[in-house]
Protein backbone atom coordinates (compact mmCIF):
# COMPACT_ATOMS: atom_id res chain seq x y z
CA MET A 1 -51.21 -65.29 -8.56
CA GLU A 2 -51.09 -61.61 -9.17
CA LYS A 3 -47.97 -59.76 -8.15
CA THR A 4 -48.33 -58.09 -4.77
CA VAL A 5 -45.73 -56.11 -2.90
CA PHE A 6 -44.81 -57.74 0.39
CA GLU A 7 -42.83 -56.04 3.14
CA LYS A 8 -40.67 -58.85 4.51
CA SER A 9 -39.86 -57.08 7.77
CA ASN A 10 -43.59 -56.82 8.55
CA ILE A 11 -44.01 -60.55 7.89
CA ARG A 12 -40.98 -61.30 10.05
CA ASN A 13 -42.40 -59.19 12.89
CA TYR A 14 -45.77 -60.89 12.51
CA VAL A 15 -44.20 -64.36 12.83
CA LYS A 16 -42.22 -63.22 15.89
CA ASN A 17 -45.42 -61.84 17.46
CA VAL A 18 -47.36 -65.05 16.77
CA ILE A 19 -44.64 -67.04 18.54
CA ALA A 20 -44.55 -64.59 21.48
CA GLU A 21 -48.35 -64.73 21.83
CA LYS A 22 -48.32 -68.54 21.82
CA ILE A 23 -45.62 -68.50 24.52
CA GLU A 24 -47.63 -66.13 26.71
CA LYS A 25 -50.85 -68.13 26.29
CA LEU A 26 -49.09 -71.36 27.16
CA LYS A 27 -47.42 -69.81 30.23
CA LYS A 28 -50.82 -68.63 31.48
CA PHE A 29 -52.36 -72.04 30.85
CA ILE A 30 -49.51 -73.78 32.72
CA GLU A 31 -49.98 -71.43 35.67
CA PHE A 32 -53.74 -72.01 35.64
CA THR A 33 -53.24 -75.79 35.59
CA LEU A 34 -50.68 -75.61 38.41
CA GLU A 35 -53.11 -73.61 40.55
CA ALA A 36 -55.93 -76.01 39.75
CA SER A 37 -53.78 -78.99 40.73
CA ARG A 38 -53.08 -77.34 44.10
CA ASP A 39 -56.80 -76.77 44.68
CA ILE A 40 -57.84 -80.38 44.21
CA LYS A 41 -59.39 -81.60 47.44
CA LYS A 42 -58.41 -84.90 48.94
CA THR A 43 -60.76 -87.39 47.34
CA PRO A 44 -60.47 -91.06 46.45
CA LYS A 45 -59.51 -89.98 42.92
CA TYR A 46 -57.11 -87.29 44.14
CA ASP A 47 -53.90 -89.11 43.23
CA SER A 48 -54.97 -90.12 39.73
CA MET A 49 -56.35 -86.63 38.95
CA ARG A 50 -53.21 -84.97 40.21
CA GLU A 51 -51.06 -87.41 38.22
CA GLU A 52 -53.01 -86.60 35.03
CA MET A 53 -52.60 -82.88 35.66
CA GLN A 54 -48.86 -83.30 36.22
CA GLU A 55 -48.61 -85.14 32.90
CA GLU A 56 -50.54 -82.32 31.20
CA ILE A 57 -48.21 -79.73 32.76
CA TYR A 58 -45.19 -81.73 31.59
CA GLN A 59 -46.54 -81.80 28.01
CA MET A 60 -47.21 -78.05 28.07
CA GLN A 61 -43.70 -77.39 29.37
CA ARG A 62 -42.30 -79.40 26.45
CA GLN A 63 -44.42 -77.30 24.05
CA LEU A 64 -43.16 -74.16 25.77
CA GLY A 65 -39.57 -75.33 25.25
CA ALA A 66 -40.26 -75.90 21.55
CA LEU A 67 -41.81 -72.43 21.22
CA ASN A 68 -38.82 -70.86 22.97
CA ASP A 69 -36.58 -72.69 20.47
CA LEU A 70 -38.63 -71.17 17.61
CA LYS A 71 -38.24 -67.74 19.19
CA SER A 72 -34.46 -68.07 19.45
CA ASN A 73 -34.22 -69.49 15.91
CA MET A 74 -36.15 -66.46 14.59
CA ALA A 75 -33.31 -64.28 15.89
CA LYS A 76 -31.00 -66.00 13.37
CA VAL A 77 -33.29 -65.29 10.41
CA LEU A 78 -31.90 -62.66 8.06
CA ASN A 79 -34.04 -59.63 7.33
CA LYS A 80 -32.34 -58.41 4.17
CA SER A 81 -33.35 -58.83 0.55
CA THR A 82 -31.90 -61.84 -1.19
CA GLU A 83 -31.58 -62.74 -4.86
CA ARG A 84 -31.45 -66.48 -4.21
CA VAL A 85 -33.43 -68.58 -1.74
CA GLN A 86 -31.78 -68.81 1.67
CA LEU A 87 -32.70 -68.58 5.35
CA GLY A 88 -34.83 -65.45 5.71
CA SER A 89 -36.08 -65.41 2.12
CA LEU A 90 -39.69 -64.79 1.25
CA VAL A 91 -40.34 -67.02 -1.75
CA ILE A 92 -43.34 -66.42 -3.99
CA THR A 93 -44.12 -69.34 -6.32
CA ASN A 94 -46.97 -69.79 -8.75
CA LYS A 95 -48.67 -71.98 -6.09
CA ALA A 96 -47.82 -70.51 -2.66
CA ARG A 97 -45.82 -68.06 -0.55
CA PHE A 98 -43.07 -69.43 1.69
CA TYR A 99 -41.16 -67.65 4.42
CA ILE A 100 -37.96 -69.61 5.06
CA SER A 101 -37.60 -69.08 8.80
CA VAL A 102 -39.02 -71.43 11.42
CA SER A 103 -41.46 -74.30 11.27
CA LEU A 104 -44.65 -72.43 12.17
CA GLY A 105 -46.81 -73.66 9.32
CA GLU A 106 -49.65 -71.84 7.63
CA PHE A 107 -50.54 -68.29 8.63
CA PHE A 108 -52.46 -65.40 7.16
CA PHE A 109 -50.96 -61.93 6.89
CA GLU A 110 -52.98 -59.02 5.52
CA GLY A 111 -55.40 -61.45 3.86
CA ASP A 112 -52.72 -63.53 2.12
CA ARG A 113 -51.79 -67.12 2.97
CA PHE A 114 -48.17 -67.87 3.79
CA TYR A 115 -46.24 -70.86 5.03
CA ALA A 116 -43.45 -70.32 7.55
CA ILE A 117 -41.12 -73.27 6.96
CA SER A 118 -37.81 -74.28 8.44
CA SER A 119 -34.70 -74.27 6.28
CA GLU A 120 -34.50 -77.99 7.14
CA SER A 121 -37.88 -78.80 5.58
CA PRO A 122 -37.92 -80.74 2.29
CA MET A 123 -39.56 -77.77 0.52
CA ALA A 124 -36.91 -75.30 1.69
CA LYS A 125 -34.08 -77.71 0.88
CA LYS A 126 -35.48 -78.11 -2.63
CA MET A 127 -35.63 -74.32 -3.16
CA MET A 128 -32.30 -73.37 -1.53
CA GLY A 129 -30.06 -71.42 -3.88
CA MET A 130 -32.76 -71.01 -6.54
CA LYS A 131 -33.67 -67.67 -8.09
CA PRO A 132 -36.78 -66.22 -9.77
CA GLY A 133 -37.64 -68.19 -12.91
CA ASP A 134 -36.29 -71.48 -11.54
CA GLU A 135 -38.70 -74.40 -11.39
CA PHE A 136 -38.87 -77.48 -9.18
CA THR A 137 -41.10 -80.44 -8.39
CA LEU A 138 -41.73 -81.81 -4.93
CA ASN A 139 -44.29 -84.52 -4.15
CA LYS A 140 -45.46 -84.43 -7.78
CA ILE A 141 -46.31 -80.72 -7.47
CA HIS A 142 -44.51 -78.53 -9.99
CA GLN A 143 -43.80 -74.93 -8.97
CA LYS A 144 -42.08 -71.96 -10.51
CA ILE A 145 -40.39 -69.32 -8.38
CA ILE A 146 -41.86 -65.95 -9.28
CA GLU A 147 -40.05 -63.78 -6.77
CA VAL A 148 -37.46 -64.02 -3.98
CA ILE A 149 -37.52 -61.21 -1.43
């Protein structure tokens, strides 16, 4: 991987925006489903359809709760440069780029692939406290930390 300059605050804002957009989309979908469930006409299948829609709404509300948790956890993520891997670090290895923040998974920012991972993930736990030049192996994949931002 060639060395590229990354602005961590831009990545942090991007992750926060992705979470906010997901929350808004889910809220709109919940509202749409609620309205649709009210519009169902009395038919022989009315009760079973309404029950299925209620279950769907319940599942979406659980997802919304999880997204709101991600949003509040992002508020705890540091936005300062770090020398060693910790919560808020952007870690560039010879294999991938990790943003130690919340468990959002893979995302693309300005054409580059990143992984937003929780500090509780096995990968983050393995890297915690490490500095550029340190090496580690997880799941038989050997990586070297190139840069910690």
